[in-house]
Amino acid sequence: MTEKTVSFGFRDVPEGEKEALVKEVFSSVAARYDLMNDLMSAGVHRIWKDAMVEWLNPQPGWKSLDVAGGTGDIAFRIVELARARGGEAAMTVCDINQQMLDEGVRRAAEKNETAIEWICGNAESLPFPDAHFDSYTIAFGIRNVTHIEQALAEARRVLKPGGRFLCLEFSKVEVPGLDTLYDAYSFKLMPKIGGLVAKDEESYRYLAESIRRFPPQAKFAQMIADAGLEQVKVRNLSGGIAAMHSAWRI
């Protein structure tokens, strides 16, 4: 019997191989991942992440989970915003890649931040009990999982009734003309920058290709609804270069 295939960039690979291939990509780029994000987006990814956490509106006392968030960018923002509101957030980061988590732990030590728990785990089989978290976030990670539907089902499972799901991901550009410029940048400049700065052109070629294989806004919104999450809403960022998808477990 032929094994099912899934996308890995523009290639289709046996579904049993994708997880290892993705791990290899992020192990390669972990040490320079945040620097590369700044270079490739001219710092705009920081504005997108701020917008995500502002829309999440974390409250003191929440148990929050950030998946595929190894370097801590979202987790640090959630903890800081909860503190600004007079309390603490019980923050957990779960990432399948230990090297990315190590980078987050290093950054936390530099900040003297002890409020975050760092767990190595798979988005498709989260190591947490049912109905455990008040919020689930994932930024630029869900397109890298092997089975998006399973990751969404797990998000619903670990959320408490009334819990919030919020995903930030690259999406389909909806501004005429911008899509052509973005394609030229993604496929010509992004891999070159990756080669020069991170010494890994191939990984950044995969990351560009994976964006194009990810479902557009409306299709992904339907996948979220099909997973049993409700009140799905979408907000485009920068003309659809990125998009936020919000939903709730009712």
C-alpha atoms as a PDB file:
ATOM      1  CA  MET A   1       0.000   0.000   0.000  1.00  0.00           C
ATOM      2  CA  THR A   2       1.401   3.406  -1.009  1.00  0.00           C
ATOM      3  CA  GLU A   3       2.004   5.789   1.894  1.00  0.00           C
ATOM      4  CA  LYS A   4       0.041   9.039   1.839  1.00  0.00           C
ATOM      5  CA  THR A   5       1.981  12.150   0.912  1.00  0.00           C
ATOM      6  CA  VAL A   6       1.916  15.673   2.345  1.00  0.00           C
ATOM      7  CA  SER A   7       3.458  18.926   1.200  1.00  0.00           C
ATOM      8  CA  PHE A   8       6.967  19.927   2.188  1.00  0.00           C
ATOM      9  CA  GLY A   9       7.361  23.209   0.387  1.00  0.00           C
ATOM     10  CA  PHE A  10       6.644  22.542  -3.273  1.00  0.00           C
ATOM     11  CA  ARG A  11       7.545  18.868  -2.880  1.00  0.00           C
ATOM     12  CA  ASP A  12       5.203  16.101  -1.793  1.00  0.00           C
ATOM     13  CA  VAL A  13       6.834  13.703   0.663  1.00  0.00           C
ATOM     14  CA  PRO A  14       5.599  10.603   2.525  1.00  0.00           C
ATOM     15  CA  GLU A  15       3.660  11.866   5.530  1.00  0.00           C
ATOM     16  CA  GLY A  16       5.904   9.895   7.878  1.00  0.00           C
ATOM     17  CA  GLU A  17       8.916  11.922   6.749  1.00  0.00           C
ATOM     18  CA  LYS A  18       7.649  15.492   7.091  1.00  0.00           C
ATOM     19  CA  GLU A  19       8.114  15.838  10.851  1.00  0.00           C
ATOM     20  CA  ALA A  20      11.807  14.957  10.642  1.00  0.00           C
ATOM     21  CA  LEU A  21      12.323  17.269   7.669  1.00  0.00           C
ATOM     22  CA  VAL A  22      10.705  20.190   9.498  1.00  0.00           C
ATOM     23  CA  LYS A  23      12.773  19.481  12.613  1.00  0.00           C
ATOM     24  CA  GLU A  24      15.896  19.599  10.480  1.00  0.00           C
ATOM     25  CA  VAL A  25      14.917  23.001   9.054  1.00  0.00           C
ATOM     26  CA  PHE A  26      14.345  24.605  12.437  1.00  0.00           C
ATOM     27  CA  SER A  27      17.347  22.970  14.078  1.00  0.00           C
ATOM     28  CA  SER A  28      19.425  24.554  11.330  1.00  0.00           C
ATOM     29  CA  VAL A  29      18.031  28.075  11.706  1.00  0.00           C
ATOM     30  CA  ALA A  30      17.270  28.215  15.470  1.00  0.00           C
ATOM     31  CA  ALA A  31      20.253  30.316  16.548  1.00  0.00           C
ATOM     32  CA  ARG A  32      19.534  33.026  13.973  1.00  0.00           C
ATOM     33  CA  TYR A  33      15.783  32.628  13.664  1.00  0.00           C
ATOM     34  CA  ASP A  34      14.804  35.907  15.329  1.00  0.00           C
ATOM     35  CA  LEU A  35      17.527  37.872  13.530  1.00  0.00           C
ATOM     36  CA  MET A  36      16.327  36.445  10.223  1.00  0.00           C
ATOM     37  CA  ASN A  37      12.724  37.393  11.040  1.00  0.00           C
ATOM     38  CA  ASP A  38      13.848  40.993  11.586  1.00  0.00           C
ATOM     39  CA  LEU A  39      15.867  41.080   8.380  1.00  0.00           C
ATOM     40  CA  MET A  40      13.277  39.416   6.179  1.00  0.00           C
ATOM     41  CA  SER A  41      10.306  41.455   7.413  1.00  0.00           C
ATOM     42  CA  ALA A  42      12.151  44.733   8.121  1.00  0.00           C
ATOM     43  CA  GLY A  43      10.896  44.289  11.683  1.00  0.00           C
ATOM     44  CA  VAL A  44       7.228  44.109  10.651  1.00  0.00           C
ATOM     45  CA  HIS A  45       6.834  40.660  12.266  1.00  0.00           C
ATOM     46  CA  ARG A  46       7.115  42.440  15.623  1.00  0.00           C
ATOM     47  CA  ILE A  47       4.117  44.635  14.756  1.00  0.00           C
ATOM     48  CA  TRP A  48       2.140  41.561  13.674  1.00  0.00           C
ATOM     49  CA  LYS A  49       2.952  39.748  16.927  1.00  0.00           C
ATOM     50  CA  ASP A  50       2.018  42.805  18.987  1.00  0.00           C
ATOM     51  CA  ALA A  51      -1.312  42.936  17.126  1.00  0.00           C
ATOM     52  CA  MET A  52      -1.890  39.251  17.826  1.00  0.00           C
ATOM     53  CA  VAL A  53      -1.341  39.554  21.568  1.00  0.00           C
ATOM     54  CA  GLU A  54      -3.394  42.748  21.767  1.00  0.00           C
ATOM     55  CA  TRP A  55      -6.297  40.944  20.057  1.00  0.00           C
ATOM     56  CA  LEU A  56      -5.837  37.966  22.378  1.00  0.00           C
ATOM     57  CA  ASN A  57      -6.271  40.362  25.316  1.00  0.00           C
ATOM     58  CA  PRO A  58      -4.701  38.037  27.929  1.00  0.00           C
ATOM     59  CA  GLN A  59      -6.014  38.435  31.439  1.00  0.00           C
ATOM     60  CA  PRO A  60      -4.191  37.995  34.757  1.00  0.00           C
ATOM     61  CA  GLY A  61      -4.646  34.462  36.025  1.00  0.00           C
ATOM     62  CA  TRP A  62      -5.069  32.856  32.623  1.00  0.00           C
ATOM     63  CA  LYS A  63      -3.351  29.611  31.784  1.00  0.00           C
ATOM     64  CA  SER A  64      -1.932  30.313  28.342  1.00  0.00           C
ATOM     65  CA  LEU A  65      -0.355  27.924  25.848  1.00  0.00           C
ATOM     66  CA  ASP A  66       1.806  29.004  22.920  1.00  0.00           C
ATOM     67  CA  VAL A  67       2.471  26.187  20.435  1.00  0.00           C
ATOM     68  CA  ALA A  68       5.454  26.155  18.042  1.00  0.00           C
ATOM     69  CA  GLY A  69       6.698  29.203  19.915  1.00  0.00           C
ATOM     70  CA  GLY A  70      10.146  27.962  20.860  1.00  0.00           C
ATOM     71  CA  THR A  71      12.023  31.266  20.912  1.00  0.00           C
ATOM     72  CA  GLY A  72       9.378  32.826  23.149  1.00  0.00           C
ATOM     73  CA  ASP A  73       8.332  35.826  21.067  1.00  0.00           C
ATOM     74  CA  ILE A  74       4.615  35.404  21.773  1.00  0.00           C
ATOM     75  CA  ALA A  75       5.039  34.053  25.307  1.00  0.00           C
ATOM     76  CA  PHE A  76       7.115  37.019  26.473  1.00  0.00           C
ATOM     77  CA  ARG A  77       4.481  39.404  25.110  1.00  0.00           C
ATOM     78  CA  ILE A  78       1.618  37.573  26.844  1.00  0.00           C
ATOM     79  CA  VAL A  79       3.416  37.543  30.199  1.00  0.00           C
ATOM     80  CA  GLU A  80       4.341  41.225  29.914  1.00  0.00           C
ATOM     81  CA  LEU A  81       0.799  42.296  28.997  1.00  0.00           C
ATOM     82  CA  ALA A  82      -0.724  40.281  31.866  1.00  0.00           C
ATOM     83  CA  ARG A  83       1.724  41.968  34.259  1.00  0.00           C
ATOM     84  CA  ALA A  84       0.835  45.375  32.877  1.00  0.00           C
ATOM     85  CA  ARG A  85      -2.732  44.570  33.895  1.00  0.00           C
ATOM     86  CA  GLY A  86      -1.735  43.812  37.449  1.00  0.00           C
ATOM     87  CA  GLY A  87      -1.293  40.052  37.498  1.00  0.00           C
ATOM     88  CA  GLU A  88       0.582  37.027  36.238  1.00  0.00           C
ATOM     89  CA  ALA A  89      -0.123  34.593  33.416  1.00  0.00           C
ATOM     90  CA  ALA A  90       0.658  30.897  33.814  1.00  0.00           C
ATOM     91  CA  MET A  91       2.511  30.625  30.491  1.00  0.00           C
ATOM     92  CA  THR A  92       3.550  27.424  28.730  1.00  0.00           C
ATOM     93  CA  VAL A  93       5.495  27.183  25.472  1.00  0.00           C
ATOM     94  CA  CYS A  94       5.330  23.898  23.580  1.00  0.00           C
ATOM     95  CA  ASP A  95       7.571  23.280  20.570  1.00  0.00           C
ATOM     96  CA  ILE A  96       8.591  20.087  18.797  1.00  0.00           C
ATOM     97  CA  ASN A  97      12.122  21.355  18.253  1.00  0.00           C
ATOM     98  CA  GLN A  98      14.460  21.310  21.260  1.00  0.00           C
ATOM     99  CA  GLN A  99      16.940  23.694  19.630  1.00  0.00           C
ATOM    100  CA  MET A 100      14.232  26.336  19.256  1.00  0.00           C
ATOM    101  CA  LEU A 101      13.225  25.815  22.897  1.00  0.00           C
ATOM    102  CA  ASP A 102      16.851  26.135  23.968  1.00  0.00           C
ATOM    103  CA  GLU A 103      16.942  29.518  22.262  1.00  0.00           C
ATOM    104  CA  GLY A 104      13.812  30.563  24.147  1.00  0.00           C
ATOM    105  CA  VAL A 105      15.247  29.386  27.465  1.00  0.00           C
ATOM    106  CA  ARG A 106      18.425  31.351  26.730  1.00  0.00           C
ATOM    107  CA  ARG A 107      16.418  34.491  26.011  1.00  0.00           C
ATOM    108  CA  ALA A 108      14.352  33.983  29.182  1.00  0.00           C
ATOM    109  CA  ALA A 109      17.557  33.753  31.238  1.00  0.00           C
ATOM    110  CA  GLU A 110      18.789  37.007  29.701  1.00  0.00           C
ATOM    111  CA  LYS A 111      15.491  38.657  30.701  1.00  0.00           C
ATOM    112  CA  ASN A 112      15.478  36.968  34.127  1.00  0.00           C
ATOM    113  CA  GLU A 113      12.038  35.680  33.164  1.00  0.00           C
ATOM    114  CA  THR A 114      10.948  32.682  35.221  1.00  0.00           C
ATOM    115  CA  ALA A 115       7.186  32.659  34.566  1.00  0.00           C
ATOM    116  CA  ILE A 116       7.359  30.516  31.415  1.00  0.00           C
ATOM    117  CA  GLU A 117       7.400  26.717  31.281  1.00  0.00           C
ATOM    118  CA  TRP A 118       9.170  25.224  28.249  1.00  0.00           C
ATOM    119  CA  ILE A 119       7.903  21.845  26.993  1.00  0.00           C
ATOM    120  CA  CYS A 120       9.095  19.775  24.029  1.00  0.00           C
ATOM    121  CA  GLY A 121       6.000  18.336  22.376  1.00  0.00           C
ATOM    122  CA  ASN A 122       4.096  17.802  19.155  1.00  0.00           C
ATOM    123  CA  ALA A 123       1.201  20.078  18.128  1.00  0.00           C
ATOM    124  CA  GLU A 124      -0.644  16.994  16.871  1.00  0.00           C
ATOM    125  CA  SER A 125      -0.488  15.181  20.233  1.00  0.00           C
ATOM    126  CA  LEU A 126      -0.096  17.811  22.928  1.00  0.00           C
ATOM    127  CA  PRO A 127       1.157  16.537  26.309  1.00  0.00           C
ATOM    128  CA  PHE A 128      -1.580  18.320  28.290  1.00  0.00           C
ATOM    129  CA  PRO A 129      -4.945  17.288  29.742  1.00  0.00           C
ATOM    130  CA  ASP A 130      -8.304  18.150  28.249  1.00  0.00           C
ATOM    131  CA  ALA A 131      -9.839  21.570  28.933  1.00  0.00           C
ATOM    132  CA  HIS A 132      -6.682  22.886  30.580  1.00  0.00           C
ATOM    133  CA  PHE A 133      -5.899  26.289  29.031  1.00  0.00           C
ATOM    134  CA  ASP A 134      -7.693  29.624  28.755  1.00  0.00           C
ATOM    135  CA  SER A 135      -5.897  30.481  25.519  1.00  0.00           C
ATOM    136  CA  TYR A 136      -4.046  28.702  22.736  1.00  0.00           C
ATOM    137  CA  THR A 137      -1.819  30.678  20.385  1.00  0.00           C
ATOM    138  CA  ILE A 138       0.319  29.601  17.454  1.00  0.00           C
ATOM    139  CA  ALA A 139       2.343  32.026  15.317  1.00  0.00           C
ATOM    140  CA  PHE A 140       3.944  30.988  12.033  1.00  0.00           C
ATOM    141  CA  GLY A 141       3.886  27.357  13.076  1.00  0.00           C
ATOM    142  CA  ILE A 142       0.727  25.612  11.963  1.00  0.00           C
ATOM    143  CA  ARG A 143       1.720  25.452   8.303  1.00  0.00           C
ATOM    144  CA  ASN A 144       4.676  23.265   9.317  1.00  0.00           C
ATOM    145  CA  VAL A 145       2.690  20.490  11.004  1.00  0.00           C
ATOM    146  CA  THR A 146       2.034  17.288   9.087  1.00  0.00           C
ATOM    147  CA  HIS A 147      -1.734  17.199   9.678  1.00  0.00           C
ATOM    148  CA  ILE A 148      -3.243  20.652  10.212  1.00  0.00           C
ATOM    149  CA  GLU A 149      -6.667  19.164  11.036  1.00  0.00           C
ATOM    150  CA  GLN A 150      -5.161  17.133  13.881  1.00  0.00           C
ATOM    151  CA  ALA A 151      -3.347  20.161  15.295  1.00  0.00           C
ATOM    152  CA  LEU A 152      -6.623  22.106  15.277  1.00  0.00           C
ATOM    153  CA  ALA A 153      -8.426  19.221  16.991  1.00  0.00           C
ATOM    154  CA  GLU A 154      -5.751  19.224  19.689  1.00  0.00           C
ATOM    155  CA  ALA A 155      -6.116  22.985  20.123  1.00  0.00           C
ATOM    156  CA  ARG A 156      -9.805  22.532  20.818  1.00  0.00           C
ATOM    157  CA  ARG A 157      -9.173  19.591  23.146  1.00  0.00           C
ATOM    158  CA  VAL A 158      -6.785  21.444  25.464  1.00  0.00           C
ATOM    159  CA  LEU A 159      -8.871  24.633  25.611  1.00  0.00           C
ATOM    160  CA  LYS A 160     -11.349  25.141  28.425  1.00  0.00           C
ATOM    161  CA  PRO A 161     -14.942  25.903  27.455  1.00  0.00           C
ATOM    162  CA  GLY A 162     -14.825  29.638  26.774  1.00  0.00           C
ATOM    163  CA  GLY A 163     -11.139  29.403  25.837  1.00  0.00           C
ATOM    164  CA  ARG A 164      -9.652  31.430  22.985  1.00  0.00           C
ATOM    165  CA  PHE A 165      -7.814  30.138  19.904  1.00  0.00           C
ATOM    166  CA  LEU A 166      -5.665  32.603  17.987  1.00  0.00           C
ATOM    167  CA  CYS A 167      -3.398  31.801  15.044  1.00  0.00           C
ATOM    168  CA  LEU A 168      -1.024  34.166  13.231  1.00  0.00           C
ATOM    169  CA  GLU A 169       0.198  32.795   9.926  1.00  0.00           C
ATOM    170  CA  PHE A 170       1.404  33.889   6.528  1.00  0.00           C
ATOM    171  CA  SER A 171      -1.538  33.923   4.159  1.00  0.00           C
ATOM    172  CA  LYS A 172      -2.737  34.893   0.689  1.00  0.00           C
ATOM    173  CA  VAL A 173      -1.964  38.460  -0.412  1.00  0.00           C
ATOM    174  CA  GLU A 174      -5.209  40.194  -1.369  1.00  0.00           C
ATOM    175  CA  VAL A 175      -3.844  43.512  -2.687  1.00  0.00           C
ATOM    176  CA  PRO A 176      -3.410  43.568  -6.490  1.00  0.00           C
ATOM    177  CA  GLY A 177       0.221  44.101  -7.441  1.00  0.00           C
ATOM    178  CA  LEU A 178       1.533  43.390  -3.966  1.00  0.00           C
ATOM    179  CA  ASP A 179       1.293  39.659  -4.628  1.00  0.00           C
ATOM    180  CA  THR A 180       3.718  39.918  -7.563  1.00  0.00           C
ATOM    181  CA  LEU A 181       6.246  41.903  -5.548  1.00  0.00           C
ATOM    182  CA  TYR A 182       5.916  39.529  -2.611  1.00  0.00           C
ATOM    183  CA  ASP A 183       6.490  36.486  -4.821  1.00  0.00           C
ATOM    184  CA  ALA A 184       9.637  38.016  -6.267  1.00  0.00           C
ATOM    185  CA  TYR A 185      10.919  38.792  -2.790  1.00  0.00           C
ATOM    186  CA  SER A 186      10.011  35.394  -1.337  1.00  0.00           C
ATOM    187  CA  PHE A 187      11.551  33.210  -4.017  1.00  0.00           C
ATOM    188  CA  LYS A 188      14.552  35.308  -5.036  1.00  0.00           C
ATOM    189  CA  LEU A 189      15.685  37.386  -2.061  1.00  0.00           C
ATOM    190  CA  MET A 190      14.540  35.388   0.981  1.00  0.00           C
ATOM    191  CA  PRO A 191      16.652  32.268   0.236  1.00  0.00           C
ATOM    192  CA  LYS A 192      19.659  34.459  -0.589  1.00  0.00           C
ATOM    193  CA  ILE A 193      19.372  36.300   2.732  1.00  0.00           C
ATOM    194  CA  GLY A 194      19.037  32.935   4.471  1.00  0.00           C
ATOM    195  CA  GLY A 195      22.202  31.740   2.789  1.00  0.00           C
ATOM    196  CA  LEU A 196      24.173  34.823   3.742  1.00  0.00           C
ATOM    197  CA  VAL A 197      23.000  35.262   7.346  1.00  0.00           C
ATOM    198  CA  ALA A 198      21.874  31.816   8.522  1.00  0.00           C
ATOM    199  CA  LYS A 199      24.171  29.868   6.163  1.00  0.00           C
ATOM    200  CA  ASP A 200      21.130  27.889   5.019  1.00  0.00           C
ATOM    201  CA  GLU A 201      19.563  28.855   1.717  1.00  0.00           C
ATOM    202  CA  GLU A 202      17.543  25.636   1.356  1.00  0.00           C
ATOM    203  CA  SER A 203      15.670  26.026   4.659  1.00  0.00           C
ATOM    204  CA  TYR A 204      14.508  29.506   3.700  1.00  0.00           C
ATOM    205  CA  ARG A 205      13.483  28.284   0.273  1.00  0.00           C
ATOM    206  CA  TYR A 206      11.306  25.692   2.028  1.00  0.00           C
ATOM    207  CA  LEU A 207       9.815  28.355   4.318  1.00  0.00           C
ATOM    208  CA  ALA A 208       8.863  30.504   1.311  1.00  0.00           C
ATOM    209  CA  GLU A 209       7.352  27.532  -0.494  1.00  0.00           C
ATOM    210  CA  SER A 210       5.424  26.370   2.580  1.00  0.00           C
ATOM    211  CA  ILE A 211       3.663  29.739   2.715  1.00  0.00           C
ATOM    212  CA  ARG A 212       2.314  29.208  -0.801  1.00  0.00           C
ATOM    213  CA  ARG A 213       1.050  25.721   0.031  1.00  0.00           C
ATOM    214  CA  PHE A 214      -0.848  26.921   3.120  1.00  0.00           C
ATOM    215  CA  PRO A 215      -4.637  27.311   2.698  1.00  0.00           C
ATOM    216  CA  PRO A 216      -5.907  30.856   1.998  1.00  0.00           C
ATOM    217  CA  GLN A 217      -7.872  32.738   4.628  1.00  0.00           C
ATOM    218  CA  ALA A 218     -11.388  31.454   3.948  1.00  0.00           C
ATOM    219  CA  LYS A 219     -10.339  27.821   3.568  1.00  0.00           C
ATOM    220  CA  PHE A 220      -8.320  27.865   6.785  1.00  0.00           C
ATOM    221  CA  ALA A 221     -11.226  29.530   8.603  1.00  0.00           C
ATOM    222  CA  GLN A 222     -13.437  26.634   7.488  1.00  0.00           C
ATOM    223  CA  MET A 223     -10.862  24.120   8.738  1.00  0.00           C
ATOM    224  CA  ILE A 224     -10.956  25.816  12.149  1.00  0.00           C
ATOM    225  CA  ALA A 225     -14.747  25.611  12.207  1.00  0.00           C
ATOM    226  CA  ASP A 226     -14.644  21.973  11.094  1.00  0.00           C
ATOM    227  CA  ALA A 227     -12.425  21.233  14.116  1.00  0.00           C
ATOM    228  CA  GLY A 228     -15.274  22.318  16.383  1.00  0.00           C
ATOM    229  CA  LEU A 229     -14.100  25.825  17.229  1.00  0.00           C
ATOM    230  CA  GLU A 230     -16.698  28.557  16.888  1.00  0.00           C
ATOM    231  CA  GLN A 231     -17.109  32.278  16.150  1.00  0.00           C
ATOM    232  CA  VAL A 232     -14.233  32.180  13.649  1.00  0.00           C
ATOM    233  CA  LYS A 233     -12.988  35.603  12.590  1.00  0.00           C
ATOM    234  CA  VAL A 234     -10.144  36.665  10.298  1.00  0.00           C
ATOM    235  CA  ARG A 235      -8.049  39.835  10.269  1.00  0.00           C
ATOM    236  CA  ASN A 236      -5.592  40.472   7.464  1.00  0.00           C
ATOM    237  CA  LEU A 237      -2.268  42.139   8.162  1.00  0.00           C
ATOM    238  CA  SER A 238      -0.202  44.003   5.561  1.00  0.00           C
ATOM    239  CA  GLY A 239      -2.637  43.290   2.768  1.00  0.00           C
ATOM    240  CA  GLY A 240      -2.893  39.589   3.563  1.00  0.00           C
ATOM    241  CA  ILE A 241       0.824  38.820   3.725  1.00  0.00           C
ATOM    242  CA  ALA A 242      -0.140  37.548   7.160  1.00  0.00           C
ATOM    243  CA  ALA A 243      -3.530  36.905   8.738  1.00  0.00           C
ATOM    244  CA  MET A 244      -4.883  36.271  12.215  1.00  0.00           C
ATOM    245  CA  HIS A 245      -7.602  33.686  12.744  1.00  0.00           C
ATOM    246  CA  SER A 246      -9.552  33.862  16.003  1.00  0.00           C
ATOM    247  CA  ALA A 247     -12.026  31.328  17.397  1.00  0.00           C
ATOM    248  CA  TRP A 248     -13.459  30.078  20.673  1.00  0.00           C
ATOM    249  CA  ARG A 249     -14.192  26.762  22.295  1.00  0.00           C
ATOM    250  CA  ILE A 250     -17.804  27.057  23.357  1.00  0.00           C
END
